[in-house]
Each structure stands twice: as structure tokens, then as C-alpha cells.
Amino acid sequence: MIPNRNFLRRCAHKNYLSLPRELEDWLLVHFEDEPYEDFNTASVLEDIVCMYCQAYAGG
């Protein structure tokens, strides 16, 4: 699965996280190629997006 802006925004909104445009752009580039060795489902990708949002918010 390759995430799009809507997927990223839904993940952040669903989990009450901030998704700055800079991070959103970076995530789109970071996850633009398939396949991924570490994950292959939307729920795992959502968890990873949340982790990046939390890390970004933490500095």
C-alpha cells in the first residue's frame, strides 16, 4: 500500500495527532515505493504514521 494525503490526514485526525505539511510531504516521499519488507497492511502503516507524528511533535 502506498499512502496518499487523505490516508495520512485520516491517520493523524483519528489519533488526535498533528500532521504538519512538512511531515506530510516527507511521509509521502518516504513511503512512495512498494513493496515494504517490514509491513504490508493499512493498520501497520497507520501505526507507523502515528509514530512519526508523535516523534515530530516531540522534536
C-alpha atoms as a PDB file:
ATOM      1  CA  MET A   1       0.000   0.000   0.000  1.00  0.00           C
ATOM      2  CA  ILE A   2       1.240   3.456  -0.870  1.00  0.00           C
ATOM      3  CA  PRO A   3      -0.273   6.170   1.337  1.00  0.00           C
ATOM      4  CA  ASN A   4      -1.773   9.331  -0.087  1.00  0.00           C
ATOM      5  CA  ARG A   5      -2.523  12.657   1.609  1.00  0.00           C
ATOM      6  CA  ASN A   6      -6.026  11.572   2.590  1.00  0.00           C
ATOM      7  CA  PHE A   7      -4.737   8.427   4.285  1.00  0.00           C
ATOM      8  CA  LEU A   8      -2.098  10.369   6.216  1.00  0.00           C
ATOM      9  CA  ARG A   9      -4.581  13.031   7.308  1.00  0.00           C
ATOM     10  CA  ARG A  10      -7.137  10.413   8.396  1.00  0.00           C
ATOM     11  CA  CYS A  11      -4.490   8.633  10.477  1.00  0.00           C
ATOM     12  CA  ALA A  12      -3.499  11.832  12.236  1.00  0.00           C
ATOM     13  CA  HIS A  13      -7.079  13.008  12.770  1.00  0.00           C
ATOM     14  CA  LYS A  14      -8.281   9.612  14.015  1.00  0.00           C
ATOM     15  CA  ASN A  15      -5.495   9.541  16.605  1.00  0.00           C
ATOM     16  CA  TYR A  16      -5.715  13.246  17.541  1.00  0.00           C
ATOM     17  CA  LEU A  17      -2.246  13.986  16.220  1.00  0.00           C
ATOM     18  CA  SER A  18      -0.834  16.965  14.409  1.00  0.00           C
ATOM     19  CA  LEU A  19       0.396  16.444  10.853  1.00  0.00           C
ATOM     20  CA  PRO A  20       2.372  19.475   9.684  1.00  0.00           C
ATOM     21  CA  ARG A  21       2.658  19.893   5.915  1.00  0.00           C
ATOM     22  CA  GLU A  22       6.430  19.370   6.078  1.00  0.00           C
ATOM     23  CA  LEU A  23       5.977  15.974   7.744  1.00  0.00           C
ATOM     24  CA  GLU A  24       3.148  15.034   5.378  1.00  0.00           C
ATOM     25  CA  ASP A  25       5.367  15.774   2.362  1.00  0.00           C
ATOM     26  CA  TRP A  26       8.236  13.785   3.859  1.00  0.00           C
ATOM     27  CA  LEU A  27       5.999  10.784   4.577  1.00  0.00           C
ATOM     28  CA  LEU A  28       4.699  10.789   1.003  1.00  0.00           C
ATOM     29  CA  VAL A  29       8.251  10.658  -0.340  1.00  0.00           C
ATOM     30  CA  HIS A  30       9.430   8.170   2.284  1.00  0.00           C
ATOM     31  CA  PHE A  31       6.644   5.672   1.545  1.00  0.00           C
ATOM     32  CA  GLU A  32       6.307   6.181  -2.214  1.00  0.00           C
ATOM     33  CA  ASP A  33       7.839   2.852  -3.245  1.00  0.00           C
ATOM     34  CA  GLU A  34       6.436  -0.620  -2.704  1.00  0.00           C
ATOM     35  CA  PRO A  35       6.880  -3.340  -1.509  1.00  0.00           C
ATOM     36  CA  TYR A  36       7.835  -2.802   2.099  1.00  0.00           C
ATOM     37  CA  GLU A  37       9.632  -5.585   3.866  1.00  0.00           C
ATOM     38  CA  ASP A  38       8.511  -4.632   7.364  1.00  0.00           C
ATOM     39  CA  PHE A  39       4.781  -4.143   6.767  1.00  0.00           C
ATOM     40  CA  ASN A  40       2.087  -4.577   4.183  1.00  0.00           C
ATOM     41  CA  THR A  41      -1.251  -3.640   5.780  1.00  0.00           C
ATOM     42  CA  ALA A  42      -3.008  -0.324   6.260  1.00  0.00           C
ATOM     43  CA  SER A  43      -3.224  -0.784  10.034  1.00  0.00           C
ATOM     44  CA  VAL A  44       0.531  -1.264  10.369  1.00  0.00           C
ATOM     45  CA  LEU A  45       1.176   1.712   8.120  1.00  0.00           C
ATOM     46  CA  GLU A  46      -1.235   3.776  10.226  1.00  0.00           C
ATOM     47  CA  ASP A  47       0.708   2.847  13.378  1.00  0.00           C
ATOM     48  CA  ILE A  48       3.953   3.909  11.713  1.00  0.00           C
ATOM     49  CA  VAL A  49       2.448   7.227  10.579  1.00  0.00           C
ATOM     50  CA  CYS A  50       1.298   7.863  14.155  1.00  0.00           C
ATOM     51  CA  MET A  51       4.768   7.072  15.449  1.00  0.00           C
ATOM     52  CA  TYR A  52       6.301   9.611  13.057  1.00  0.00           C
ATOM     53  CA  CYS A  53       3.704  12.247  14.055  1.00  0.00           C
ATOM     54  CA  GLN A  54       4.468  11.720  17.738  1.00  0.00           C
ATOM     55  CA  ALA A  55       8.216  11.830  17.152  1.00  0.00           C
ATOM     56  CA  TYR A  56       7.893  15.014  15.085  1.00  0.00           C
ATOM     57  CA  ALA A  57       5.808  16.647  17.818  1.00  0.00           C
ATOM     58  CA  GLY A  58       8.427  15.651  20.394  1.00  0.00           C
ATOM     59  CA  GLY A  59      11.131  17.471  18.488  1.00  0.00           C
END
